[in-house]
Amino acid sequence: MDWELLPLEGVGPLFFGMRSTEAAAVLPDMIELRRFRADPFAETLGVEFGMGRAMPAVYSYFVDDRLFCFAVDAVHGPQVTLWGRELTACPPADLERFLLHAHCCEVLDVSYGPRGNPGSNELGLVVRLQEVAGGVVTRPVMVGRAWADRCTDDWEGAIPECEWVGRLWPHPGGTAS
């Protein structure tokens, strides 16, 4: 399954601002695995969709029943692309080079949050890491236009806390956790 990121608008069949019932309807091949409260806001509802009971594929977050944030699982989730470039399950250094090249060419601004994750407010995109059997790969987290300001900032941005848990972004000569 391949989904194109439409920066600040949506990804694949999902569009920011849609209701949770609409999101479920456009994901007919997936089942709702669970609903949960997601910090930092008490009114944030997380909905996990998957291909099977033990295989979460996508994580969607709603405020006032409107989709504002979406993340994919690097193993079971769809392949998210941006301008033809894969964002899901990539070696971190490869994707970072792609983002920094776009930054150097003045296509977009790239910033790093307190936990070292690269991202772009212009795209509503933060790249996180996920541990898999073969090592560590990328896991894109996307937000809509109203939520994109400071999206790489885990203190001031709107991305739920549960999306920041896990491995820190690798830096040359630095530690991995």
C-alpha atoms as a PDB file:
ATOM      1  CA  MET A   1       0.000   0.000   0.000  1.00  0.00           C
ATOM      2  CA  ASP A   2       1.522   3.339  -1.106  1.00  0.00           C
ATOM      3  CA  TRP A   3       0.216   6.693   0.120  1.00  0.00           C
ATOM      4  CA  GLU A   4       1.356  10.110  -1.062  1.00  0.00           C
ATOM      5  CA  LEU A   5       1.789  12.869   1.511  1.00  0.00           C
ATOM      6  CA  LEU A   6      -0.069  16.033   0.549  1.00  0.00           C
ATOM      7  CA  PRO A   7       1.707  18.427   2.923  1.00  0.00           C
ATOM      8  CA  LEU A   8      -0.595  19.907   5.569  1.00  0.00           C
ATOM      9  CA  GLU A   9      -3.662  18.444   3.793  1.00  0.00           C
ATOM     10  CA  GLY A  10      -3.519  14.671   4.246  1.00  0.00           C
ATOM     11  CA  VAL A  11      -1.903  11.390   3.351  1.00  0.00           C
ATOM     12  CA  GLY A  12      -3.354   8.662   1.150  1.00  0.00           C
ATOM     13  CA  PRO A  13      -7.109   8.488   1.758  1.00  0.00           C
ATOM     14  CA  LEU A  14      -6.920  10.461   5.022  1.00  0.00           C
ATOM     15  CA  PHE A  15      -7.404  14.222   5.159  1.00  0.00           C
ATOM     16  CA  PHE A  16      -6.816  16.389   8.185  1.00  0.00           C
ATOM     17  CA  GLY A  17     -10.083  17.600   9.646  1.00  0.00           C
ATOM     18  CA  MET A  18     -12.079  14.457   8.819  1.00  0.00           C
ATOM     19  CA  ARG A  19     -14.100  12.755  11.563  1.00  0.00           C
ATOM     20  CA  SER A  20     -13.091   9.413  13.098  1.00  0.00           C
ATOM     21  CA  THR A  21     -16.019   7.641  11.379  1.00  0.00           C
ATOM     22  CA  GLU A  22     -14.882   9.049   8.023  1.00  0.00           C
ATOM     23  CA  ALA A  23     -11.329   7.868   8.685  1.00  0.00           C
ATOM     24  CA  ALA A  24     -12.573   4.357   9.451  1.00  0.00           C
ATOM     25  CA  ALA A  25     -14.661   4.384   6.269  1.00  0.00           C
ATOM     26  CA  VAL A  26     -11.698   5.260   4.016  1.00  0.00           C
ATOM     27  CA  LEU A  27      -9.598   2.470   5.560  1.00  0.00           C
ATOM     28  CA  PRO A  28     -11.818  -0.509   4.579  1.00  0.00           C
ATOM     29  CA  ASP A  29      -8.930  -3.016   4.590  1.00  0.00           C
ATOM     30  CA  MET A  30      -8.043  -2.126   8.189  1.00  0.00           C
ATOM     31  CA  ILE A  31      -9.793  -2.762  11.467  1.00  0.00           C
ATOM     32  CA  GLU A  32      -9.932  -0.507  14.486  1.00  0.00           C
ATOM     33  CA  LEU A  33      -7.687  -2.101  17.101  1.00  0.00           C
ATOM     34  CA  ARG A  34      -8.173   0.311  19.985  1.00  0.00           C
ATOM     35  CA  ARG A  35      -9.116   3.814  21.127  1.00  0.00           C
ATOM     36  CA  PHE A  36      -7.131   5.646  23.789  1.00  0.00           C
ATOM     37  CA  ARG A  37      -6.583   9.063  25.347  1.00  0.00           C
ATOM     38  CA  ALA A  38      -3.395  10.656  24.055  1.00  0.00           C
ATOM     39  CA  ASP A  39      -1.478  13.353  25.934  1.00  0.00           C
ATOM     40  CA  PRO A  40      -0.734  16.237  26.026  1.00  0.00           C
ATOM     41  CA  PHE A  41      -4.399  17.238  25.706  1.00  0.00           C
ATOM     42  CA  ALA A  42      -7.100  15.384  27.641  1.00  0.00           C
ATOM     43  CA  GLU A  43      -9.493  15.741  24.723  1.00  0.00           C
ATOM     44  CA  THR A  44      -7.115  14.025  22.270  1.00  0.00           C
ATOM     45  CA  LEU A  45      -8.450  10.681  21.086  1.00  0.00           C
ATOM     46  CA  GLY A  46      -6.026   8.182  19.581  1.00  0.00           C
ATOM     47  CA  VAL A  47      -7.347   5.488  17.244  1.00  0.00           C
ATOM     48  CA  GLU A  48      -5.101   2.623  16.180  1.00  0.00           C
ATOM     49  CA  PHE A  49      -5.921   0.805  12.938  1.00  0.00           C
ATOM     50  CA  GLY A  50      -4.318  -2.414  11.757  1.00  0.00           C
ATOM     51  CA  MET A  51      -4.322  -5.234   9.276  1.00  0.00           C
ATOM     52  CA  GLY A  52      -4.767  -7.836  12.001  1.00  0.00           C
ATOM     53  CA  ARG A  53      -5.237  -7.980  15.751  1.00  0.00           C
ATOM     54  CA  ALA A  54      -1.528  -7.847  16.594  1.00  0.00           C
ATOM     55  CA  MET A  55      -0.374  -5.678  13.682  1.00  0.00           C
ATOM     56  CA  PRO A  56      -0.963  -1.943  14.196  1.00  0.00           C
ATOM     57  CA  ALA A  57      -0.432  -0.086  10.929  1.00  0.00           C
ATOM     58  CA  VAL A  58      -1.620   3.484  11.466  1.00  0.00           C
ATOM     59  CA  TYR A  59      -2.155   5.754  14.443  1.00  0.00           C
ATOM     60  CA  SER A  60      -4.604   8.618  14.069  1.00  0.00           C
ATOM     61  CA  TYR A  61      -5.256  11.415  16.544  1.00  0.00           C
ATOM     62  CA  PHE A  62      -8.412  13.496  16.844  1.00  0.00           C
ATOM     63  CA  VAL A  63      -9.389  16.633  18.754  1.00  0.00           C
ATOM     64  CA  ASP A  64     -13.121  17.409  18.787  1.00  0.00           C
ATOM     65  CA  ASP A  65     -13.441  14.339  16.540  1.00  0.00           C
ATOM     66  CA  ARG A  66     -11.299  15.965  13.823  1.00  0.00           C
ATOM     67  CA  LEU A  67      -8.128  14.295  12.524  1.00  0.00           C
ATOM     68  CA  PHE A  68      -5.085  16.457  13.262  1.00  0.00           C
ATOM     69  CA  CYS A  69      -2.162  13.979  13.455  1.00  0.00           C
ATOM     70  CA  PHE A  70      -1.320  10.698  11.790  1.00  0.00           C
ATOM     71  CA  ALA A  71       1.617   8.276  12.043  1.00  0.00           C
ATOM     72  CA  VAL A  72       2.446   5.013  10.304  1.00  0.00           C
ATOM     73  CA  ASP A  73       4.084   1.873  11.607  1.00  0.00           C
ATOM     74  CA  ALA A  74       7.370   1.186   9.800  1.00  0.00           C
ATOM     75  CA  VAL A  75       6.671  -2.560   9.569  1.00  0.00           C
ATOM     76  CA  HIS A  76       2.927  -2.937   9.002  1.00  0.00           C
ATOM     77  CA  GLY A  77       1.912   0.516   7.810  1.00  0.00           C
ATOM     78  CA  PRO A  78       1.605   1.916   4.312  1.00  0.00           C
ATOM     79  CA  GLN A  79       4.598   3.304   2.453  1.00  0.00           C
ATOM     80  CA  VAL A  80       4.280   7.077   2.637  1.00  0.00           C
ATOM     81  CA  THR A  81       5.997   9.036  -0.131  1.00  0.00           C
ATOM     82  CA  LEU A  82       6.772  12.697  -0.654  1.00  0.00           C
ATOM     83  CA  TRP A  83       7.708  13.904  -4.161  1.00  0.00           C
ATOM     84  CA  GLY A  84       8.309  10.254  -5.084  1.00  0.00           C
ATOM     85  CA  ARG A  85      10.677   9.680  -2.130  1.00  0.00           C
ATOM     86  CA  GLU A  86       9.824   6.967   0.387  1.00  0.00           C
ATOM     87  CA  LEU A  87       9.494   8.190   3.980  1.00  0.00           C
ATOM     88  CA  THR A  88       8.553   4.927   5.714  1.00  0.00           C
ATOM     89  CA  ALA A  89      11.045   2.243   6.817  1.00  0.00           C
ATOM     90  CA  CYS A  90      14.133   4.011   5.425  1.00  0.00           C
ATOM     91  CA  PRO A  91      17.626   4.133   6.880  1.00  0.00           C
ATOM     92  CA  PRO A  92      17.604   7.332   8.991  1.00  0.00           C
ATOM     93  CA  ALA A  93      20.768   8.746   7.400  1.00  0.00           C
ATOM     94  CA  ASP A  94      19.320   8.360   3.871  1.00  0.00           C
ATOM     95  CA  LEU A  95      16.121  10.204   4.673  1.00  0.00           C
ATOM     96  CA  GLU A  96      17.998  12.876   6.594  1.00  0.00           C
ATOM     97  CA  ARG A  97      20.222  13.479   3.532  1.00  0.00           C
ATOM     98  CA  PHE A  98      17.089  13.874   1.384  1.00  0.00           C
ATOM     99  CA  LEU A  99      15.607  16.440   3.784  1.00  0.00           C
ATOM    100  CA  LEU A 100      18.869  18.343   4.139  1.00  0.00           C
ATOM    101  CA  HIS A 101      19.331  18.409   0.357  1.00  0.00           C
ATOM    102  CA  ALA A 102      15.855  19.944   0.013  1.00  0.00           C
ATOM    103  CA  HIS A 103      16.851  22.405   2.737  1.00  0.00           C
ATOM    104  CA  CYS A 104      20.129  23.361   1.023  1.00  0.00           C
ATOM    105  CA  CYS A 105      18.266  23.857  -2.271  1.00  0.00           C
ATOM    106  CA  GLU A 106      15.829  26.144  -0.426  1.00  0.00           C
ATOM    107  CA  VAL A 107      12.879  23.876  -1.237  1.00  0.00           C
ATOM    108  CA  LEU A 108      11.907  23.723   2.437  1.00  0.00           C
ATOM    109  CA  ASP A 109      13.120  24.552   5.906  1.00  0.00           C
ATOM    110  CA  VAL A 110      14.262  21.649   8.062  1.00  0.00           C
ATOM    111  CA  SER A 111      14.496  21.949  11.819  1.00  0.00           C
ATOM    112  CA  TYR A 112      15.450  19.597  14.626  1.00  0.00           C
ATOM    113  CA  GLY A 113      13.430  19.248  17.804  1.00  0.00           C
ATOM    114  CA  PRO A 114      14.742  18.761  21.344  1.00  0.00           C
ATOM    115  CA  ARG A 115      14.966  14.994  20.788  1.00  0.00           C
ATOM    116  CA  GLY A 116      16.935  15.480  17.577  1.00  0.00           C
ATOM    117  CA  ASN A 117      14.197  14.499  15.122  1.00  0.00           C
ATOM    118  CA  PRO A 118      14.259  16.279  11.764  1.00  0.00           C
ATOM    119  CA  GLY A 119      11.101  17.733  10.351  1.00  0.00           C
ATOM    120  CA  SER A 120       9.490  20.611   8.550  1.00  0.00           C
ATOM    121  CA  ASN A 121       6.669  22.888   9.643  1.00  0.00           C
ATOM    122  CA  GLU A 122       6.017  23.608   5.945  1.00  0.00           C
ATOM    123  CA  LEU A 123       5.265  19.928   5.387  1.00  0.00           C
ATOM    124  CA  GLY A 124       3.699  19.193   8.764  1.00  0.00           C
ATOM    125  CA  LEU A 125       6.189  16.311   8.978  1.00  0.00           C
ATOM    126  CA  VAL A 126       8.405  14.917  11.720  1.00  0.00           C
ATOM    127  CA  VAL A 127      10.558  11.852  11.122  1.00  0.00           C
ATOM    128  CA  ARG A 128      10.761   9.483  14.097  1.00  0.00           C
ATOM    129  CA  LEU A 129      12.578   6.177  14.496  1.00  0.00           C
ATOM    130  CA  GLN A 130      11.266   2.682  15.015  1.00  0.00           C
ATOM    131  CA  GLU A 131      13.263  -0.366  16.036  1.00  0.00           C
ATOM    132  CA  VAL A 132      12.776  -3.350  13.740  1.00  0.00           C
ATOM    133  CA  ALA A 133      14.434  -6.756  13.512  1.00  0.00           C
ATOM    134  CA  GLY A 134      17.150  -5.422  11.184  1.00  0.00           C
ATOM    135  CA  GLY A 135      17.923  -2.248  13.145  1.00  0.00           C
ATOM    136  CA  VAL A 136      16.330   1.194  13.150  1.00  0.00           C
ATOM    137  CA  VAL A 137      14.203   2.721  10.371  1.00  0.00           C
ATOM    138  CA  THR A 138      12.135   5.847   9.815  1.00  0.00           C
ATOM    139  CA  ARG A 139       8.531   6.368  10.825  1.00  0.00           C
ATOM    140  CA  PRO A 140       6.792   9.524   9.543  1.00  0.00           C
ATOM    141  CA  VAL A 141       4.449  11.516  11.773  1.00  0.00           C
ATOM    142  CA  MET A 142       2.294  14.096   9.985  1.00  0.00           C
ATOM    143  CA  VAL A 143       0.053  16.950  11.133  1.00  0.00           C
ATOM    144  CA  GLY A 144      -2.428  19.260   9.447  1.00  0.00           C
ATOM    145  CA  ARG A 145      -1.962  22.945   8.707  1.00  0.00           C
ATOM    146  CA  ALA A 146      -3.461  24.224  11.982  1.00  0.00           C
ATOM    147  CA  TRP A 147      -1.086  22.006  13.973  1.00  0.00           C
ATOM    148  CA  ALA A 148       2.146  22.362  11.975  1.00  0.00           C
ATOM    149  CA  ASP A 149       3.690  25.298  13.837  1.00  0.00           C
ATOM    150  CA  ARG A 150       6.658  23.954  15.855  1.00  0.00           C
ATOM    151  CA  CYS A 151       5.713  20.371  14.942  1.00  0.00           C
ATOM    152  CA  THR A 152       9.278  19.129  15.608  1.00  0.00           C
ATOM    153  CA  ASP A 153       9.142  20.540  19.144  1.00  0.00           C
ATOM    154  CA  ASP A 154       8.001  17.881  21.582  1.00  0.00           C
ATOM    155  CA  TRP A 155       7.421  20.549  24.267  1.00  0.00           C
ATOM    156  CA  GLU A 156       5.430  23.161  22.361  1.00  0.00           C
ATOM    157  CA  GLY A 157       4.132  21.261  19.332  1.00  0.00           C
ATOM    158  CA  ALA A 158       0.812  19.436  19.109  1.00  0.00           C
ATOM    159  CA  ILE A 159       2.055  15.901  18.364  1.00  0.00           C
ATOM    160  CA  PRO A 160       0.868  13.542  21.129  1.00  0.00           C
ATOM    161  CA  GLU A 161       3.450  12.475  23.699  1.00  0.00           C
ATOM    162  CA  CYS A 162       3.108   8.782  22.798  1.00  0.00           C
ATOM    163  CA  GLU A 163       4.570   9.551  19.356  1.00  0.00           C
ATOM    164  CA  TRP A 164       7.776  10.865  20.937  1.00  0.00           C
ATOM    165  CA  VAL A 165       8.513   7.723  22.970  1.00  0.00           C
ATOM    166  CA  GLY A 166      11.365   5.551  21.763  1.00  0.00           C
ATOM    167  CA  ARG A 167      14.710   5.811  20.129  1.00  0.00           C
ATOM    168  CA  LEU A 168      16.415   9.173  19.705  1.00  0.00           C
ATOM    169  CA  TRP A 169      17.621  10.296  16.300  1.00  0.00           C
ATOM    170  CA  PRO A 170      21.209   9.070  15.674  1.00  0.00           C
ATOM    171  CA  HIS A 171      23.963  11.649  15.478  1.00  0.00           C
ATOM    172  CA  PRO A 172      27.531  10.956  14.363  1.00  0.00           C
ATOM    173  CA  GLY A 173      29.578  10.219  17.467  1.00  0.00           C
ATOM    174  CA  GLY A 174      26.513  10.463  19.708  1.00  0.00           C
ATOM    175  CA  THR A 175      24.531   7.885  21.640  1.00  0.00           C
ATOM    176  CA  ALA A 176      21.545   6.057  20.171  1.00  0.00           C
ATOM    177  CA  SER A 177      19.199   6.392  23.144  1.00  0.00           C
END
